[in-house]
Amino acid sequence: MNTGLSCLVTSCANKPCNGRGYCSTHYSRLMRNGSVNVTLRASPVADWEERVVKTKSCWIYEGYLTSGYGEIGIGGRSWLVHRLSYERYIGPIPTGYQVDHKCHNLDRSCHADSLCPHRRCCNPAHLEAVPQRVNILNGNGASGQNSRKEHCSAGHAFDSMDRRGRRTCRTCIRVKQRERRQRLRAAA
């Protein structure tokens, strides 16, 4: 709604008035903040650090969560807080790498779900840049749990690899082959 009037804010360079006597920029500030004056935060990094509770081991982010991970908007972009912490305190994340929570890897009783307290941890001492495969295998999901198994379901040690690179148990393979030969003889 352009009324032909200028914005009431004198430093606004004569932008057209849209609502309540303000240009669209100042009107949206008024609606969002209750004032046309903008008070800037000290810094976006200080903003997320204010929401961190430092315990004896983990630094727990108490702000907005996405799938259990802390998230904050900075400069029009969403950041996962543990990645932001890694980049702030350690350095840039190498291309193709993910930030792994070492505190989660040590707590095998913790399940890989959105309630995991380790996902909110942003203590740089607990963070490590690793390839995606390593991050998955370190976790407590099915892939990670199976990668740490040392014995087959019958209790035999995994002692060989099949053609696809999967760990196998030669004892179970021999038993299955013997049973198959016996079935074939009985059918003949």
C-alpha atoms as a PDB file:
ATOM      1  CA  MET A   1       0.000   0.000   0.000  1.00  0.00           C
ATOM      2  CA  ASN A   2       1.949   2.989  -1.239  1.00  0.00           C
ATOM      3  CA  THR A   3       0.396   6.184   0.126  1.00  0.00           C
ATOM      4  CA  GLY A   4       2.917   8.520  -1.485  1.00  0.00           C
ATOM      5  CA  LEU A   5       4.298   9.469   1.944  1.00  0.00           C
ATOM      6  CA  SER A   6       7.882   8.901   3.090  1.00  0.00           C
ATOM      7  CA  CYS A   7       8.985   6.667   5.955  1.00  0.00           C
ATOM      8  CA  LEU A   8       8.827   8.340   9.398  1.00  0.00           C
ATOM      9  CA  VAL A   9      12.437   7.329  10.101  1.00  0.00           C
ATOM     10  CA  THR A  10      14.463  10.360   9.007  1.00  0.00           C
ATOM     11  CA  SER A  11      17.535   8.394   7.926  1.00  0.00           C
ATOM     12  CA  CYS A  12      15.507   6.182   5.593  1.00  0.00           C
ATOM     13  CA  ALA A  13      16.305   8.087   2.366  1.00  0.00           C
ATOM     14  CA  ASN A  14      12.675   8.850   1.483  1.00  0.00           C
ATOM     15  CA  LYS A  15      11.478   5.274   0.940  1.00  0.00           C
ATOM     16  CA  PRO A  16       7.728   5.035   0.332  1.00  0.00           C
ATOM     17  CA  CYS A  17       5.518   4.426   3.335  1.00  0.00           C
ATOM     18  CA  ASN A  18       3.832   0.989   3.506  1.00  0.00           C
ATOM     19  CA  GLY A  19       2.275   0.670   6.944  1.00  0.00           C
ATOM     20  CA  ARG A  20       1.831   2.808  10.058  1.00  0.00           C
ATOM     21  CA  GLY A  21       3.986   5.485   8.454  1.00  0.00           C
ATOM     22  CA  TYR A  22       7.055   3.240   7.912  1.00  0.00           C
ATOM     23  CA  CYS A  23       8.745   1.678   4.904  1.00  0.00           C
ATOM     24  CA  SER A  24       8.596  -2.112   4.583  1.00  0.00           C
ATOM     25  CA  THR A  25      11.971  -2.568   6.327  1.00  0.00           C
ATOM     26  CA  HIS A  26      11.095  -0.471   9.370  1.00  0.00           C
ATOM     27  CA  TYR A  27       7.538  -1.798   9.491  1.00  0.00           C
ATOM     28  CA  SER A  28       8.778  -5.415   9.645  1.00  0.00           C
ATOM     29  CA  ARG A  29      11.242  -4.425  12.409  1.00  0.00           C
ATOM     30  CA  LEU A  30       8.383  -2.799  14.309  1.00  0.00           C
ATOM     31  CA  MET A  31       6.222  -5.925  14.006  1.00  0.00           C
ATOM     32  CA  ARG A  32       9.083  -8.319  14.826  1.00  0.00           C
ATOM     33  CA  ASN A  33      10.835  -6.404  17.634  1.00  0.00           C
ATOM     34  CA  GLY A  34       8.290  -3.856  18.818  1.00  0.00           C
ATOM     35  CA  SER A  35      10.651  -1.063  17.753  1.00  0.00           C
ATOM     36  CA  VAL A  36      12.091   0.264  14.510  1.00  0.00           C
ATOM     37  CA  ASN A  37      15.513   0.508  16.158  1.00  0.00           C
ATOM     38  CA  VAL A  38      17.601  -2.620  15.844  1.00  0.00           C
ATOM     39  CA  THR A  39      19.758  -3.689  18.739  1.00  0.00           C
ATOM     40  CA  LEU A  40      22.431  -6.017  17.453  1.00  0.00           C
ATOM     41  CA  ARG A  41      23.689  -8.895  19.547  1.00  0.00           C
ATOM     42  CA  ALA A  42      27.341  -8.879  20.499  1.00  0.00           C
ATOM     43  CA  SER A  43      28.005 -11.627  17.962  1.00  0.00           C
ATOM     44  CA  PRO A  44      26.233 -14.732  16.681  1.00  0.00           C
ATOM     45  CA  VAL A  45      28.922 -16.897  18.285  1.00  0.00           C
ATOM     46  CA  ALA A  46      28.317 -15.265  21.655  1.00  0.00           C
ATOM     47  CA  ASP A  47      24.597 -15.931  21.136  1.00  0.00           C
ATOM     48  CA  TRP A  48      25.017 -19.709  20.867  1.00  0.00           C
ATOM     49  CA  GLU A  49      27.667 -19.816  23.592  1.00  0.00           C
ATOM     50  CA  GLU A  50      25.141 -18.211  25.979  1.00  0.00           C
ATOM     51  CA  ARG A  51      22.936 -21.279  25.467  1.00  0.00           C
ATOM     52  CA  VAL A  52      25.638 -23.802  26.404  1.00  0.00           C
ATOM     53  CA  VAL A  53      25.701 -25.406  29.856  1.00  0.00           C
ATOM     54  CA  LYS A  54      29.212 -26.657  30.655  1.00  0.00           C
ATOM     55  CA  THR A  55      29.177 -29.804  32.795  1.00  0.00           C
ATOM     56  CA  LYS A  56      32.185 -31.792  34.021  1.00  0.00           C
ATOM     57  CA  SER A  57      32.579 -33.437  30.638  1.00  0.00           C
ATOM     58  CA  CYS A  58      30.111 -32.297  27.965  1.00  0.00           C
ATOM     59  CA  TRP A  59      29.055 -28.822  26.905  1.00  0.00           C
ATOM     60  CA  ILE A  60      25.289 -29.241  26.474  1.00  0.00           C
ATOM     61  CA  TYR A  61      23.524 -26.874  24.062  1.00  0.00           C
ATOM     62  CA  GLU A  62      20.153 -25.798  25.500  1.00  0.00           C
ATOM     63  CA  GLY A  63      18.777 -24.009  22.420  1.00  0.00           C
ATOM     64  CA  TYR A  64      16.807 -25.198  19.395  1.00  0.00           C
ATOM     65  CA  LEU A  65      17.274 -28.858  18.433  1.00  0.00           C
ATOM     66  CA  THR A  66      16.999 -30.631  15.079  1.00  0.00           C
ATOM     67  CA  SER A  67      16.894 -34.449  15.391  1.00  0.00           C
ATOM     68  CA  GLY A  68      18.576 -34.014  18.769  1.00  0.00           C
ATOM     69  CA  TYR A  69      21.435 -31.868  17.420  1.00  0.00           C
ATOM     70  CA  GLY A  70      21.770 -28.237  18.518  1.00  0.00           C
ATOM     71  CA  GLU A  71      21.008 -25.793  15.704  1.00  0.00           C
ATOM     72  CA  ILE A  72      21.302 -22.021  15.386  1.00  0.00           C
ATOM     73  CA  GLY A  73      20.782 -19.536  12.563  1.00  0.00           C
ATOM     74  CA  ILE A  74      23.726 -17.252  11.760  1.00  0.00           C
ATOM     75  CA  GLY A  75      23.830 -14.947   8.778  1.00  0.00           C
ATOM     76  CA  GLY A  76      20.726 -16.455   7.191  1.00  0.00           C
ATOM     77  CA  ARG A  77      22.179 -19.974   7.376  1.00  0.00           C
ATOM     78  CA  SER A  78      21.415 -22.807   9.790  1.00  0.00           C
ATOM     79  CA  TRP A  79      24.401 -24.256  11.614  1.00  0.00           C
ATOM     80  CA  LEU A  80      24.661 -27.419  13.675  1.00  0.00           C
ATOM     81  CA  VAL A  81      26.211 -26.237  16.920  1.00  0.00           C
ATOM     82  CA  HIS A  82      28.781 -29.036  17.188  1.00  0.00           C
ATOM     83  CA  ARG A  83      30.077 -28.196  13.692  1.00  0.00           C
ATOM     84  CA  LEU A  84      30.203 -24.501  14.591  1.00  0.00           C
ATOM     85  CA  SER A  85      32.128 -25.328  17.765  1.00  0.00           C
ATOM     86  CA  TYR A  86      34.580 -27.498  15.828  1.00  0.00           C
ATOM     87  CA  GLU A  87      35.237 -24.724  13.297  1.00  0.00           C
ATOM     88  CA  ARG A  88      35.570 -22.067  16.014  1.00  0.00           C
ATOM     89  CA  TYR A  89      37.930 -23.921  18.350  1.00  0.00           C
ATOM     90  CA  ILE A  90      39.728 -26.489  16.144  1.00  0.00           C
ATOM     91  CA  GLY A  91      39.603 -25.296  12.551  1.00  0.00           C
ATOM     92  CA  PRO A  92      37.825 -25.893   9.257  1.00  0.00           C
ATOM     93  CA  ILE A  93      36.148 -29.249   8.700  1.00  0.00           C
ATOM     94  CA  PRO A  94      37.972 -31.065   5.873  1.00  0.00           C
ATOM     95  CA  THR A  95      35.925 -31.612   2.716  1.00  0.00           C
ATOM     96  CA  GLY A  96      34.069 -34.926   2.789  1.00  0.00           C
ATOM     97  CA  TYR A  97      34.425 -35.282   6.572  1.00  0.00           C
ATOM     98  CA  GLN A  98      31.819 -35.201   9.335  1.00  0.00           C
ATOM     99  CA  VAL A  99      32.173 -34.133  12.955  1.00  0.00           C
ATOM    100  CA  ASP A 100      31.967 -37.182  15.222  1.00  0.00           C
ATOM    101  CA  HIS A 101      31.101 -37.016  18.936  1.00  0.00           C
ATOM    102  CA  LYS A 102      33.767 -39.020  20.781  1.00  0.00           C
ATOM    103  CA  CYS A 103      31.742 -38.790  24.019  1.00  0.00           C
ATOM    104  CA  HIS A 104      28.892 -40.655  22.277  1.00  0.00           C
ATOM    105  CA  ASN A 105      31.232 -43.356  21.004  1.00  0.00           C
ATOM    106  CA  LEU A 106      32.422 -44.067  24.566  1.00  0.00           C
ATOM    107  CA  ASP A 107      28.880 -44.379  25.955  1.00  0.00           C
ATOM    108  CA  ARG A 108      27.706 -47.687  24.458  1.00  0.00           C
ATOM    109  CA  SER A 109      24.526 -47.644  26.563  1.00  0.00           C
ATOM    110  CA  CYS A 110      23.275 -44.607  24.631  1.00  0.00           C
ATOM    111  CA  HIS A 111      20.980 -45.314  21.685  1.00  0.00           C
ATOM    112  CA  ALA A 112      21.298 -43.448  18.400  1.00  0.00           C
ATOM    113  CA  ASP A 113      18.085 -41.431  18.563  1.00  0.00           C
ATOM    114  CA  SER A 114      17.008 -37.807  18.891  1.00  0.00           C
ATOM    115  CA  LEU A 115      17.049 -38.054  22.708  1.00  0.00           C
ATOM    116  CA  CYS A 116      20.791 -38.779  22.779  1.00  0.00           C
ATOM    117  CA  PRO A 117      22.375 -36.165  25.090  1.00  0.00           C
ATOM    118  CA  HIS A 118      25.691 -36.466  23.248  1.00  0.00           C
ATOM    119  CA  ARG A 119      24.208 -35.000  20.056  1.00  0.00           C
ATOM    120  CA  ARG A 120      23.839 -31.691  21.916  1.00  0.00           C
ATOM    121  CA  CYS A 121      27.470 -31.727  23.105  1.00  0.00           C
ATOM    122  CA  CYS A 122      29.652 -29.012  21.586  1.00  0.00           C
ATOM    123  CA  ASN A 123      32.789 -29.474  23.712  1.00  0.00           C
ATOM    124  CA  PRO A 124      35.637 -29.223  21.168  1.00  0.00           C
ATOM    125  CA  ALA A 125      37.612 -31.843  23.120  1.00  0.00           C
ATOM    126  CA  HIS A 126      34.810 -34.321  22.311  1.00  0.00           C
ATOM    127  CA  LEU A 127      34.676 -33.572  18.585  1.00  0.00           C
ATOM    128  CA  GLU A 128      36.685 -35.173  15.792  1.00  0.00           C
ATOM    129  CA  ALA A 129      36.520 -34.829  12.000  1.00  0.00           C
ATOM    130  CA  VAL A 130      36.199 -38.272  10.407  1.00  0.00           C
ATOM    131  CA  PRO A 131      34.981 -39.715   7.085  1.00  0.00           C
ATOM    132  CA  GLN A 132      31.271 -40.618   6.959  1.00  0.00           C
ATOM    133  CA  ARG A 133      31.973 -44.359   7.061  1.00  0.00           C
ATOM    134  CA  VAL A 134      34.002 -44.021  10.270  1.00  0.00           C
ATOM    135  CA  ASN A 135      31.307 -41.838  11.828  1.00  0.00           C
ATOM    136  CA  ILE A 136      28.636 -44.462  11.066  1.00  0.00           C
ATOM    137  CA  LEU A 137      30.751 -47.362  12.331  1.00  0.00           C
ATOM    138  CA  ASN A 138      31.620 -45.480  15.533  1.00  0.00           C
ATOM    139  CA  GLY A 139      27.945 -44.852  16.268  1.00  0.00           C
ATOM    140  CA  ASN A 140      25.433 -47.004  18.104  1.00  0.00           C
ATOM    141  CA  GLY A 141      23.214 -47.676  15.086  1.00  0.00           C
ATOM    142  CA  ALA A 142      22.862 -51.166  13.586  1.00  0.00           C
ATOM    143  CA  SER A 143      25.888 -50.736  11.283  1.00  0.00           C
ATOM    144  CA  GLY A 144      28.110 -49.608  14.140  1.00  0.00           C
ATOM    145  CA  GLN A 145      26.957 -52.353  16.483  1.00  0.00           C
ATOM    146  CA  ASN A 146      27.441 -55.059  13.858  1.00  0.00           C
ATOM    147  CA  SER A 147      30.903 -53.762  12.937  1.00  0.00           C
ATOM    148  CA  ARG A 148      32.038 -54.259  16.547  1.00  0.00           C
ATOM    149  CA  LYS A 149      30.814 -57.851  16.778  1.00  0.00           C
ATOM    150  CA  GLU A 150      33.628 -60.382  16.953  1.00  0.00           C
ATOM    151  CA  HIS A 151      31.550 -63.571  16.887  1.00  0.00           C
ATOM    152  CA  CYS A 152      28.812 -64.959  14.644  1.00  0.00           C
ATOM    153  CA  SER A 153      25.325 -65.768  15.985  1.00  0.00           C
ATOM    154  CA  ALA A 154      26.511 -69.316  16.793  1.00  0.00           C
ATOM    155  CA  GLY A 155      29.336 -67.945  18.937  1.00  0.00           C
ATOM    156  CA  HIS A 156      32.238 -68.683  16.563  1.00  0.00           C
ATOM    157  CA  ALA A 157      34.886 -66.038  15.895  1.00  0.00           C
ATOM    158  CA  PHE A 158      34.712 -64.231  12.551  1.00  0.00           C
ATOM    159  CA  ASP A 159      37.834 -65.561  10.822  1.00  0.00           C
ATOM    160  CA  SER A 160      37.471 -64.891   7.078  1.00  0.00           C
ATOM    161  CA  MET A 161      35.943 -62.567   4.490  1.00  0.00           C
ATOM    162  CA  ASP A 162      33.578 -63.452   1.661  1.00  0.00           C
ATOM    163  CA  ARG A 163      33.806 -62.085  -1.885  1.00  0.00           C
ATOM    164  CA  ARG A 164      31.783 -59.013  -0.956  1.00  0.00           C
ATOM    165  CA  GLY A 165      34.120 -58.092   1.911  1.00  0.00           C
ATOM    166  CA  ARG A 166      31.783 -59.264   4.673  1.00  0.00           C
ATOM    167  CA  ARG A 167      33.202 -61.015   7.718  1.00  0.00           C
ATOM    168  CA  THR A 168      32.306 -64.687   7.914  1.00  0.00           C
ATOM    169  CA  CYS A 169      32.797 -67.688  10.154  1.00  0.00           C
ATOM    170  CA  ARG A 170      34.461 -70.688   8.448  1.00  0.00           C
ATOM    171  CA  THR A 171      32.986 -73.099  10.994  1.00  0.00           C
ATOM    172  CA  CYS A 172      29.411 -72.089  10.128  1.00  0.00           C
ATOM    173  CA  ILE A 173      30.199 -72.175   6.399  1.00  0.00           C
ATOM    174  CA  ARG A 174      31.490 -75.767   6.724  1.00  0.00           C
ATOM    175  CA  VAL A 175      28.400 -76.803   8.722  1.00  0.00           C
ATOM    176  CA  LYS A 176      26.060 -75.283   6.094  1.00  0.00           C
ATOM    177  CA  GLN A 177      27.985 -76.950   3.252  1.00  0.00           C
ATOM    178  CA  ARG A 178      27.866 -80.331   5.045  1.00  0.00           C
ATOM    179  CA  GLU A 179      24.092 -79.994   5.628  1.00  0.00           C
ATOM    180  CA  ARG A 180      23.578 -79.068   1.969  1.00  0.00           C
ATOM    181  CA  ARG A 181      25.540 -82.131   0.761  1.00  0.00           C
ATOM    182  CA  GLN A 182      23.512 -84.364   3.063  1.00  0.00           C
ATOM    183  CA  ARG A 183      20.215 -82.925   1.707  1.00  0.00           C
ATOM    184  CA  LEU A 184      21.383 -83.467  -1.866  1.00  0.00           C
ATOM    185  CA  ARG A 185      22.405 -87.098  -1.144  1.00  0.00           C
ATOM    186  CA  ALA A 186      19.077 -87.766   0.559  1.00  0.00           C
ATOM    187  CA  ALA A 187      17.169 -86.309  -2.422  1.00  0.00           C
ATOM    188  CA  ALA A 188      19.115 -88.391  -4.961  1.00  0.00           C
END
